[in-house]
PDB file of N, CA and C in Angstrom:
ATOM      1  N   UNK A   1     -64.942  -2.668  10.476  1.00  0.00           N
ATOM      2  CA  UNK A   1     -63.764  -3.920  10.342  1.00  0.00           C
ATOM      3  C   UNK A   1     -63.835  -4.947  10.815  1.00  0.00           C
ATOM      4  N   UNK A   2     -63.623  -5.803   9.740  1.00  0.00           N
ATOM      5  CA  UNK A   2     -63.514  -6.947  10.466  1.00  0.00           C
ATOM      6  C   UNK A   2     -62.312  -8.070  10.672  1.00  0.00           C
ATOM      7  N   UNK A   3     -62.900  -8.750  11.421  1.00  0.00           N
ATOM      8  CA  UNK A   3     -61.054  -9.881  11.573  1.00  0.00           C
ATOM      9  C   UNK A   3     -60.591 -10.314  10.524  1.00  0.00           C
ATOM     10  N   UNK A   4     -61.056 -10.673   9.791  1.00  0.00           N
ATOM     11  CA  UNK A   4     -60.508 -11.034   8.365  1.00  0.00           C
ATOM     12  C   UNK A   4     -59.996  -9.324   7.623  1.00  0.00           C
ATOM     13  N   UNK A   5     -60.355  -8.238   7.659  1.00  0.00           N
ATOM     14  CA  UNK A   5     -59.490  -7.289   7.604  1.00  0.00           C
ATOM     15  C   UNK A   5     -58.730  -6.931   8.118  1.00  0.00           C
ATOM     16  N   UNK A   6     -58.691  -7.024   9.751  1.00  0.00           N
ATOM     17  CA  UNK A   6     -58.025  -6.508  10.218  1.00  0.00           C
ATOM     18  C   UNK A   6     -55.889  -7.622  10.610  1.00  0.00           C
ATOM     19  N   UNK A   7     -56.096  -8.983   9.978  1.00  0.00           N
ATOM     20  CA  UNK A   7     -55.560 -10.346   9.727  1.00  0.00           C
ATOM     21  C   UNK A   7     -54.791  -9.554   8.407  1.00  0.00           C
ATOM     22  N   UNK A   8     -55.268  -9.268   7.225  1.00  0.00           N
ATOM     23  CA  UNK A   8     -55.248  -8.744   5.852  1.00  0.00           C
ATOM     24  C   UNK A   8     -54.217  -7.502   6.139  1.00  0.00           C
ATOM     25  N   UNK A   9     -54.422  -6.664   6.560  1.00  0.00           N
ATOM     26  CA  UNK A   9     -53.918  -5.853   7.162  1.00  0.00           C
ATOM     27  C   UNK A   9     -52.612  -5.404   8.472  1.00  0.00           C
ATOM     28  N   UNK A  10     -52.958  -6.355   8.421  1.00  0.00           N
ATOM     29  CA  UNK A  10     -51.114  -6.811   9.901  1.00  0.00           C
ATOM     30  C   UNK A  10     -50.474  -7.718   9.151  1.00  0.00           C
ATOM     31  N   UNK A  11     -51.198  -8.498   7.989  1.00  0.00           N
ATOM     32  CA  UNK A  11     -50.192  -8.982   7.088  1.00  0.00           C
ATOM     33  C   UNK A  11     -49.299  -8.100   6.364  1.00  0.00           C
ATOM     34  N   UNK A  12     -50.123  -7.234   5.516  1.00  0.00           N
ATOM     35  CA  UNK A  12     -49.282  -6.497   4.853  1.00  0.00           C
ATOM     36  C   UNK A  12     -48.437  -5.452   5.403  1.00  0.00           C
ATOM     37  N   UNK A  13     -48.994  -4.911   6.819  1.00  0.00           N
ATOM     38  CA  UNK A  13     -47.840  -3.950   7.215  1.00  0.00           C
ATOM     39  C   UNK A  13     -46.812  -5.160   8.267  1.00  0.00           C
ATOM     40  N   UNK A  14     -46.805  -6.077   7.963  1.00  0.00           N
ATOM     41  CA  UNK A  14     -45.576  -7.256   8.595  1.00  0.00           C
ATOM     42  C   UNK A  14     -44.593  -7.360   7.448  1.00  0.00           C
ATOM     43  N   UNK A  15     -45.083  -7.360   6.220  1.00  0.00           N
ATOM     44  CA  UNK A  15     -44.528  -7.991   5.039  1.00  0.00           C
ATOM     45  C   UNK A  15     -43.512  -6.349   5.035  1.00  0.00           C
ATOM     46  N   UNK A  16     -45.136  -5.206   5.004  1.00  0.00           N
ATOM     47  CA  UNK A  16     -43.699  -3.946   4.123  1.00  0.00           C
ATOM     48  C   UNK A  16     -42.792  -3.942   5.483  1.00  0.00           C
ATOM     49  N   UNK A  17     -43.072  -3.947   6.788  1.00  0.00           N
ATOM     50  CA  UNK A  17     -41.951  -4.012   7.382  1.00  0.00           C
ATOM     51  C   UNK A  17     -40.869  -4.664   7.152  1.00  0.00           C
ATOM     52  N   UNK A  18     -40.500  -6.011   7.427  1.00  0.00           N
ATOM     53  CA  UNK A  18     -40.138  -7.090   6.611  1.00  0.00           C
ATOM     54  C   UNK A  18     -38.984  -6.527   5.676  1.00  0.00           C
ATOM     55  N   UNK A  19     -39.491  -6.075   4.603  1.00  0.00           N
ATOM     56  CA  UNK A  19     -38.773  -5.824   3.271  1.00  0.00           C
ATOM     57  C   UNK A  19     -38.168  -4.460   3.865  1.00  0.00           C
ATOM     58  N   UNK A  20     -38.637  -3.543   4.421  1.00  0.00           N
ATOM     59  CA  UNK A  20     -38.133  -2.080   4.559  1.00  0.00           C
ATOM     60  C   UNK A  20     -36.754  -2.611   5.408  1.00  0.00           C
ATOM     61  N   UNK A  21     -36.784  -3.596   6.662  1.00  0.00           N
ATOM     62  CA  UNK A  21     -35.830  -4.017   7.028  1.00  0.00           C
ATOM     63  C   UNK A  21     -34.640  -4.430   6.002  1.00  0.00           C
ATOM     64  N   UNK A  22     -35.080  -5.520   5.608  1.00  0.00           N
ATOM     65  CA  UNK A  22     -34.060  -6.376   4.878  1.00  0.00           C
ATOM     66  C   UNK A  22     -33.218  -5.063   4.215  1.00  0.00           C
ATOM     67  N   UNK A  23     -34.114  -4.025   3.762  1.00  0.00           N
ATOM     68  CA  UNK A  23     -33.611  -3.317   2.141  1.00  0.00           C
ATOM     69  C   UNK A  23     -32.631  -2.409   3.549  1.00  0.00           C
ATOM     70  N   UNK A  24     -32.775  -1.670   4.543  1.00  0.00           N
ATOM     71  CA  UNK A  24     -31.995  -0.936   5.245  1.00  0.00           C
ATOM     72  C   UNK A  24     -30.622  -1.999   5.585  1.00  0.00           C
ATOM     73  N   UNK A  25     -31.338  -3.478   6.362  1.00  0.00           N
ATOM     74  CA  UNK A  25     -29.692  -4.312   6.573  1.00  0.00           C
ATOM     75  C   UNK A  25     -28.923  -4.052   5.417  1.00  0.00           C
ATOM     76  N   UNK A  26     -29.426  -4.900   4.540  1.00  0.00           N
ATOM     77  CA  UNK A  26     -28.261  -4.705   3.076  1.00  0.00           C
ATOM     78  C   UNK A  26     -27.681  -3.496   2.857  1.00  0.00           C
ATOM     79  N   UNK A  27     -28.322  -2.566   2.694  1.00  0.00           N
ATOM     80  CA  UNK A  27     -27.927  -0.922   2.520  1.00  0.00           C
ATOM     81  C   UNK A  27     -26.823  -0.697   3.408  1.00  0.00           C
ATOM     82  N   UNK A  28     -26.915  -1.055   5.072  1.00  0.00           N
ATOM     83  CA  UNK A  28     -26.135  -0.876   5.854  1.00  0.00           C
ATOM     84  C   UNK A  28     -24.858  -1.479   5.535  1.00  0.00           C
ATOM     85  N   UNK A  29     -25.123  -2.478   5.452  1.00  0.00           N
ATOM     86  CA  UNK A  29     -23.716  -3.118   4.640  1.00  0.00           C
ATOM     87  C   UNK A  29     -23.456  -2.477   3.754  1.00  0.00           C
ATOM     88  N   UNK A  30     -23.943  -2.765   2.770  1.00  0.00           N
ATOM     89  CA  UNK A  30     -23.549  -1.801   1.640  1.00  0.00           C
ATOM     90  C   UNK A  30     -22.524  -1.428   1.771  1.00  0.00           C
ATOM     91  N   UNK A  31     -22.956  -0.257   2.600  1.00  0.00           N
ATOM     92  CA  UNK A  31     -21.954   1.146   2.824  1.00  0.00           C
ATOM     93  C   UNK A  31     -20.880   0.551   3.923  1.00  0.00           C
ATOM     94  N   UNK A  32     -21.299   0.277   4.876  1.00  0.00           N
ATOM     95  CA  UNK A  32     -20.432   0.114   6.373  1.00  0.00           C
ATOM     96  C   UNK A  32     -19.677  -1.285   6.172  1.00  0.00           C
ATOM     97  N   UNK A  33     -19.978  -2.023   5.603  1.00  0.00           N
ATOM     98  CA  UNK A  33     -19.478  -3.825   5.849  1.00  0.00           C
ATOM     99  C   UNK A  33     -18.311  -3.663   5.649  1.00  0.00           C
ATOM    100  N   UNK A  34     -17.553  -4.943   5.459  1.00  0.00           N
ATOM    101  CA  UNK A  34     -16.431  -5.706   4.934  1.00  0.00           C
ATOM    102  C   UNK A  34     -16.018  -5.040   4.062  1.00  0.00           C
ATOM    103  N   UNK A  35     -16.999  -5.221   2.920  1.00  0.00           N
ATOM    104  CA  UNK A  35     -16.471  -5.558   1.674  1.00  0.00           C
ATOM    105  C   UNK A  35     -17.344  -3.957   1.238  1.00  0.00           C
ATOM    106  N   UNK A  36     -17.637  -2.893   1.908  1.00  0.00           N
ATOM    107  CA  UNK A  36     -18.460  -2.279   1.396  1.00  0.00           C
ATOM    108  C   UNK A  36     -18.155  -1.014   0.684  1.00  0.00           C
ATOM    109  N   UNK A  37     -18.786   0.123   0.635  1.00  0.00           N
ATOM    110  CA  UNK A  37     -18.559   1.163  -0.224  1.00  0.00           C
ATOM    111  C   UNK A  37     -17.228   2.154   0.401  1.00  0.00           C
ATOM    112  N   UNK A  38     -17.317   2.142   1.970  1.00  0.00           N
ATOM    113  CA  UNK A  38     -16.047   2.973   2.640  1.00  0.00           C
ATOM    114  C   UNK A  38     -15.044   2.057   2.887  1.00  0.00           C
ATOM    115  N   UNK A  39     -15.086   0.708   2.601  1.00  0.00           N
ATOM    116  CA  UNK A  39     -13.697   0.180   2.626  1.00  0.00           C
ATOM    117  C   UNK A  39     -13.478  -0.303   1.154  1.00  0.00           C
ATOM    118  N   UNK A  40     -14.237  -0.039   0.061  1.00  0.00           N
ATOM    119  CA  UNK A  40     -13.921   0.221  -1.173  1.00  0.00           C
ATOM    120  C   UNK A  40     -12.461   1.272  -1.300  1.00  0.00           C
ATOM    121  N   UNK A  41     -13.200   2.933  -0.923  1.00  0.00           N
ATOM    122  CA  UNK A  41     -12.464   3.795  -1.040  1.00  0.00           C
ATOM    123  C   UNK A  41     -11.015   3.653   0.109  1.00  0.00           C
ATOM    124  N   UNK A  42     -10.991   3.434   0.689  1.00  0.00           N
ATOM    125  CA  UNK A  42     -10.378   2.871   1.667  1.00  0.00           C
ATOM    126  C   UNK A  42      -9.127   2.318   1.068  1.00  0.00           C
ATOM    127  N   UNK A  43      -9.352   0.672   0.525  1.00  0.00           N
ATOM    128  CA  UNK A  43      -8.679   0.236  -0.395  1.00  0.00           C
ATOM    129  C   UNK A  43      -7.809   0.781  -1.154  1.00  0.00           C
ATOM    130  N   UNK A  44      -9.036   1.740  -2.260  1.00  0.00           N
ATOM    131  CA  UNK A  44      -7.966   2.542  -3.261  1.00  0.00           C
ATOM    132  C   UNK A  44      -7.198   3.619  -2.449  1.00  0.00           C
ATOM    133  N   UNK A  45      -7.187   4.122  -1.877  1.00  0.00           N
ATOM    134  CA  UNK A  45      -6.345   4.981  -1.312  1.00  0.00           C
ATOM    135  C   UNK A  45      -5.077   4.525  -0.875  1.00  0.00           C
ATOM    136  N   UNK A  46      -4.907   2.812  -0.230  1.00  0.00           N
ATOM    137  CA  UNK A  46      -4.029   2.322   0.385  1.00  0.00           C
ATOM    138  C   UNK A  46      -3.317   1.639  -0.794  1.00  0.00           C
ATOM    139  N   UNK A  47      -3.609   1.262  -2.368  1.00  0.00           N
ATOM    140  CA  UNK A  47      -3.439   0.663  -3.722  1.00  0.00           C
ATOM    141  C   UNK A  47      -2.552   1.697  -3.810  1.00  0.00           C
ATOM    142  N   UNK A  48      -3.116   3.072  -3.853  1.00  0.00           N
ATOM    143  CA  UNK A  48      -2.063   3.796  -4.545  1.00  0.00           C
ATOM    144  C   UNK A  48      -1.065   4.586  -3.719  1.00  0.00           C
ATOM    145  N   UNK A  49      -1.192   4.755  -2.352  1.00  0.00           N
ATOM    146  CA  UNK A  49       0.227   4.806  -1.905  1.00  0.00           C
ATOM    147  C   UNK A  49       1.191   3.751  -1.926  1.00  0.00           C
ATOM    148  N   UNK A  50       0.658   2.520  -2.432  1.00  0.00           N
ATOM    149  CA  UNK A  50       1.895   1.199  -2.489  1.00  0.00           C
ATOM    150  C   UNK A  50       2.210   1.361  -3.852  1.00  0.00           C
ATOM    151  N   UNK A  51       1.223   1.958  -4.541  1.00  0.00           N
ATOM    152  CA  UNK A  51       1.804   1.967  -6.093  1.00  0.00           C
ATOM    153  C   UNK A  51       2.938   3.049  -6.430  1.00  0.00           C
ATOM    154  N   UNK A  52       2.525   3.978  -5.291  1.00  0.00           N
ATOM    155  CA  UNK A  52       3.835   5.281  -5.113  1.00  0.00           C
ATOM    156  C   UNK A  52       5.240   4.618  -4.630  1.00  0.00           C
ATOM    157  N   UNK A  53       5.097   3.314  -3.977  1.00  0.00           N
ATOM    158  CA  UNK A  53       5.982   2.821  -2.895  1.00  0.00           C
ATOM    159  C   UNK A  53       7.008   2.238  -3.697  1.00  0.00           C
ATOM    160  N   UNK A  54       6.122   1.365  -4.868  1.00  0.00           N
ATOM    161  CA  UNK A  54       6.730   0.825  -5.691  1.00  0.00           C
ATOM    162  C   UNK A  54       7.365   1.688  -7.108  1.00  0.00           C
ATOM    163  N   UNK A  55       6.743   2.595  -7.038  1.00  0.00           N
ATOM    164  CA  UNK A  55       7.619   2.972  -8.027  1.00  0.00           C
ATOM    165  C   UNK A  55       8.763   3.938  -7.467  1.00  0.00           C
ATOM    166  N   UNK A  56       8.726   3.942  -6.310  1.00  0.00           N
ATOM    167  CA  UNK A  56      10.235   4.521  -5.673  1.00  0.00           C
ATOM    168  C   UNK A  56      10.882   3.660  -5.601  1.00  0.00           C
ATOM    169  N   UNK A  57      10.848   2.079  -5.181  1.00  0.00           N
ATOM    170  CA  UNK A  57      11.568   1.320  -4.767  1.00  0.00           C
ATOM    171  C   UNK A  57      11.818   0.779  -6.094  1.00  0.00           C
ATOM    172  N   UNK A  58      11.320   0.428  -7.403  1.00  0.00           N
ATOM    173  CA  UNK A  58      12.068   0.275  -8.281  1.00  0.00           C
ATOM    174  C   UNK A  58      13.252   1.154  -9.174  1.00  0.00           C
ATOM    175  N   UNK A  59      13.145   2.534  -8.426  1.00  0.00           N
ATOM    176  CA  UNK A  59      14.193   3.266  -9.176  1.00  0.00           C
ATOM    177  C   UNK A  59      15.345   3.358  -7.978  1.00  0.00           C
ATOM    178  N   UNK A  60      14.869   2.667  -6.992  1.00  0.00           N
ATOM    179  CA  UNK A  60      16.316   2.157  -5.826  1.00  0.00           C
ATOM    180  C   UNK A  60      16.675   1.434  -6.640  1.00  0.00           C
ATOM    181  N   UNK A  61      16.679   0.424  -6.838  1.00  0.00           N
ATOM    182  CA  UNK A  61      16.848  -0.681  -6.820  1.00  0.00           C
ATOM    183  C   UNK A  61      17.096  -1.182  -8.690  1.00  0.00           C
ATOM    184  N   UNK A  62      16.664   0.060  -9.471  1.00  0.00           N
ATOM    185  CA  UNK A  62      17.913   0.064 -10.513  1.00  0.00           C
ATOM    186  C   UNK A  62      19.204   1.131 -10.606  1.00  0.00           C
ATOM    187  N   UNK A  63      18.827   1.774  -9.294  1.00  0.00           N
ATOM    188  CA  UNK A  63      20.006   2.992  -9.121  1.00  0.00           C
ATOM    189  C   UNK A  63      21.001   1.924  -8.547  1.00  0.00           C
ATOM    190  N   UNK A  64      20.844   0.752  -7.786  1.00  0.00           N
ATOM    191  CA  UNK A  64      21.583  -0.312  -6.896  1.00  0.00           C
ATOM    192  C   UNK A  64      22.193  -0.982  -7.975  1.00  0.00           C
ATOM    193  N   UNK A  65      21.357  -1.542  -8.778  1.00  0.00           N
ATOM    194  CA  UNK A  65      21.952  -2.323  -9.706  1.00  0.00           C
ATOM    195  C   UNK A  65      22.841  -1.842 -10.955  1.00  0.00           C
ATOM    196  N   UNK A  66      22.745  -0.624 -11.336  1.00  0.00           N
ATOM    197  CA  UNK A  66      23.571  -0.009 -12.118  1.00  0.00           C
ATOM    198  C   UNK A  66      24.908   0.243 -11.146  1.00  0.00           C
ATOM    199  N   UNK A  67      24.728   0.147  -9.440  1.00  0.00           N
ATOM    200  CA  UNK A  67      26.310   0.536  -8.860  1.00  0.00           C
ATOM    201  C   UNK A  67      27.289  -1.112  -8.797  1.00  0.00           C
ATOM    202  N   UNK A  68      26.140  -1.951  -9.016  1.00  0.00           N
ATOM    203  CA  UNK A  68      26.770  -3.519  -8.795  1.00  0.00           C
ATOM    204  C   UNK A  68      27.236  -3.736 -10.141  1.00  0.00           C
ATOM    205  N   UNK A  69      26.665  -3.447 -11.054  1.00  0.00           N
ATOM    206  CA  UNK A  69      27.374  -3.480 -12.870  1.00  0.00           C
ATOM    207  C   UNK A  69      28.397  -2.737 -12.599  1.00  0.00           C
ATOM    208  N   UNK A  70      28.755  -1.717 -12.744  1.00  0.00           N
ATOM    209  CA  UNK A  70      29.820  -0.964 -12.185  1.00  0.00           C
ATOM    210  C   UNK A  70      31.131  -1.614 -11.622  1.00  0.00           C
ATOM    211  N   UNK A  71      30.781  -2.944 -10.918  1.00  0.00           N
ATOM    212  CA  UNK A  71      31.684  -3.631  -9.701  1.00  0.00           C
ATOM    213  C   UNK A  71      31.729  -4.952 -10.106  1.00  0.00           C
ATOM    214  N   UNK A  72      31.661  -5.065 -11.640  1.00  0.00           N
ATOM    215  CA  UNK A  72      31.699  -6.252 -12.110  1.00  0.00           C
ATOM    216  C   UNK A  72      32.657  -5.847 -12.841  1.00  0.00           C
ATOM    217  N   UNK A  73      33.316  -7.436 -13.033  1.00  0.00           N
ATOM    218  CA  UNK A  73      35.347  -6.902 -13.466  1.00  0.00           C
ATOM    219  C   UNK A  73      35.076  -6.588 -14.732  1.00  0.00           C
ATOM    220  N   UNK A  74      34.315  -6.640 -16.090  1.00  0.00           N
ATOM    221  CA  UNK A  74      34.147  -6.494 -17.187  1.00  0.00           C
ATOM    222  C   UNK A  74      33.855  -4.704 -17.247  1.00  0.00           C
ATOM    223  N   UNK A  75      33.509  -4.437 -16.400  1.00  0.00           N
ATOM    224  CA  UNK A  75      32.791  -3.231 -16.082  1.00  0.00           C
ATOM    225  C   UNK A  75      33.687  -2.343 -14.777  1.00  0.00           C
ATOM    226  N   UNK A  76      34.275  -2.349 -14.802  1.00  0.00           N
ATOM    227  CA  UNK A  76      35.253  -1.870 -13.190  1.00  0.00           C
ATOM    228  C   UNK A  76      35.504  -0.299 -13.228  1.00  0.00           C
ATOM    229  N   UNK A  77      35.336   0.321 -12.728  1.00  0.00           N
ATOM    230  CA  UNK A  77      34.923   1.717 -12.700  1.00  0.00           C
ATOM    231  C   UNK A  77      36.089   1.563 -10.895  1.00  0.00           C
ATOM    232  N   UNK A  78      37.793   2.154 -11.503  1.00  0.00           N
ATOM    233  CA  UNK A  78      38.300   2.096 -10.291  1.00  0.00           C
ATOM    234  C   UNK A  78      38.082   3.218  -9.251  1.00  0.00           C
ATOM    235  N   UNK A  79      37.401   4.351  -9.881  1.00  0.00           N
ATOM    236  CA  UNK A  79      37.025   5.076  -8.611  1.00  0.00           C
ATOM    237  C   UNK A  79      35.588   4.770  -7.856  1.00  0.00           C
ATOM    238  N   UNK A  80      34.822   4.325  -8.759  1.00  0.00           N
ATOM    239  CA  UNK A  80      33.763   3.680  -7.463  1.00  0.00           C
ATOM    240  C   UNK A  80      34.505   2.414  -6.705  1.00  0.00           C
ATOM    241  N   UNK A  81      35.118   1.806  -7.020  1.00  0.00           N
ATOM    242  CA  UNK A  81      35.936   0.465  -6.345  1.00  0.00           C
ATOM    243  C   UNK A  81      36.984   1.792  -5.229  1.00  0.00           C
ATOM    244  N   UNK A  82      37.595   2.571  -5.257  1.00  0.00           N
ATOM    245  CA  UNK A  82      38.746   3.285  -4.554  1.00  0.00           C
ATOM    246  C   UNK A  82      37.045   3.451  -2.992  1.00  0.00           C
ATOM    247  N   UNK A  83      36.113   4.512  -3.958  1.00  0.00           N
ATOM    248  CA  UNK A  83      35.314   5.133  -3.193  1.00  0.00           C
ATOM    249  C   UNK A  83      34.813   3.713  -1.951  1.00  0.00           C
ATOM    250  N   UNK A  84      34.215   2.805  -2.541  1.00  0.00           N
ATOM    251  CA  UNK A  84      33.787   1.685  -1.508  1.00  0.00           C
ATOM    252  C   UNK A  84      34.915   1.215  -0.286  1.00  0.00           C
ATOM    253  N   UNK A  85      36.106   1.145  -1.190  1.00  0.00           N
ATOM    254  CA  UNK A  85      36.968   0.437   0.085  1.00  0.00           C
ATOM    255  C   UNK A  85      37.226   1.447   1.012  1.00  0.00           C
ATOM    256  N   UNK A  86      37.193   2.626   0.540  1.00  0.00           N
ATOM    257  CA  UNK A  86      37.638   3.744   1.600  1.00  0.00           C
ATOM    258  C   UNK A  86      36.573   3.818   2.856  1.00  0.00           C
ATOM    259  N   UNK A  87      34.935   3.942   2.261  1.00  0.00           N
ATOM    260  CA  UNK A  87      33.919   4.164   2.921  1.00  0.00           C
ATOM    261  C   UNK A  87      33.458   2.810   3.827  1.00  0.00           C
ATOM    262  N   UNK A  88      33.632   1.412   3.080  1.00  0.00           N
ATOM    263  CA  UNK A  88      33.350   0.368   4.065  1.00  0.00           C
ATOM    264  C   UNK A  88      34.456  -0.059   5.027  1.00  0.00           C
ATOM    265  N   UNK A  89      35.590  -0.269   4.272  1.00  0.00           N
ATOM    266  CA  UNK A  89      36.661  -0.340   5.528  1.00  0.00           C
ATOM    267  C   UNK A  89      37.809   0.189   5.804  1.00  0.00           C
ATOM    268  N   UNK A  90      37.394   1.332   5.600  1.00  0.00           N
ATOM    269  CA  UNK A  90      38.149   2.595   5.954  1.00  0.00           C
ATOM    270  C   UNK A  90      39.605   2.591   6.181  1.00  0.00           C
ATOM    271  N   UNK A  91      39.358   2.240   4.177  1.00  0.00           N
ATOM    272  CA  UNK A  91      41.263   2.118   3.744  1.00  0.00           C
ATOM    273  C   UNK A  91      41.437   3.787   3.557  1.00  0.00           C
ATOM    274  N   UNK A  92      42.660   3.812   3.460  1.00  0.00           N
ATOM    275  CA  UNK A  92      43.392   5.288   2.983  1.00  0.00           C
ATOM    276  C   UNK A  92      44.959   4.876   2.322  1.00  0.00           C
ATOM    277  N   UNK A  93      45.162   5.689   1.702  1.00  0.00           N
ATOM    278  CA  UNK A  93      46.880   5.294   0.798  1.00  0.00           C
ATOM    279  C   UNK A  93      48.229   5.733   2.230  1.00  0.00           C
ATOM    280  N   UNK A  94      49.102   5.488   1.752  1.00  0.00           N
ATOM    281  CA  UNK A  94      49.877   5.729   2.839  1.00  0.00           C
ATOM    282  C   UNK A  94      50.385   7.338   2.906  1.00  0.00           C
ATOM    283  N   UNK A  95      50.036   7.810   1.535  1.00  0.00           N
ATOM    284  CA  UNK A  95      50.932   9.328   1.566  1.00  0.00           C
ATOM    285  C   UNK A  95      49.447  10.677   1.383  1.00  0.00           C
ATOM    286  N   UNK A  96      48.563   9.687   2.063  1.00  0.00           N
ATOM    287  CA  UNK A  96      47.285  10.792   2.165  1.00  0.00           C
ATOM    288  C   UNK A  96      47.286  11.470   3.694  1.00  0.00           C
ATOM    289  N   UNK A  97      46.880  12.426   3.779  1.00  0.00           N
ATOM    290  CA  UNK A  97      46.647  13.449   5.224  1.00  0.00           C
ATOM    291  C   UNK A  97      45.038  12.888   5.616  1.00  0.00           C
ATOM    292  N   UNK A  98      44.600  12.373   6.716  1.00  0.00           N
ATOM    293  CA  UNK A  98      43.017  12.055   6.976  1.00  0.00           C
ATOM    294  C   UNK A  98      42.442  13.344   8.266  1.00  0.00           C
ATOM    295  N   UNK A  99      41.976  14.338   7.584  1.00  0.00           N
ATOM    296  CA  UNK A  99      41.122  15.703   8.486  1.00  0.00           C
ATOM    297  C   UNK A  99      40.198  14.732   9.145  1.00  0.00           C
ATOM    298  N   UNK A 100      39.842  14.658  10.588  1.00  0.00           N
ATOM    299  CA  UNK A 100      38.341  13.929  10.742  1.00  0.00           C
ATOM    300  C   UNK A 100      37.484  14.921  11.625  1.00  0.00           C
ATOM    301  N   UNK A 101      36.477  15.027  11.096  1.00  0.00           N
ATOM    302  CA  UNK A 101      35.633  16.039  11.494  1.00  0.00           C
ATOM    303  C   UNK A 101      34.882  15.756  12.905  1.00  0.00           C
ATOM    304  N   UNK A 102      34.146  16.691  13.381  1.00  0.00           N
ATOM    305  CA  UNK A 102      33.489  16.535  14.814  1.00  0.00           C
ATOM    306  C   UNK A 102      32.451  15.562  14.558  1.00  0.00           C
TER     307      UNK A 102
END
């Protein structure tokens, strides 16, 4: 085995080692990195949870909008107005008897 052959083998081994190291480095970061597969799955789970919350919030908003529309002058619901005045302002009619709970 000559010096030339030893240099050739060491260059081949070094190139193989560098190539394997680069593949391992990029492979690790493809899975574990900030934009890797694990982060992708975590973000997908977070997205699903936020979409469920959005649906719930939209139904709450629709219910509140409906109640606000009932308080408008053209569609005034006297029962709802009476209920809200009693709850918010603590109002009662003079002929009513109030029983306080514990």
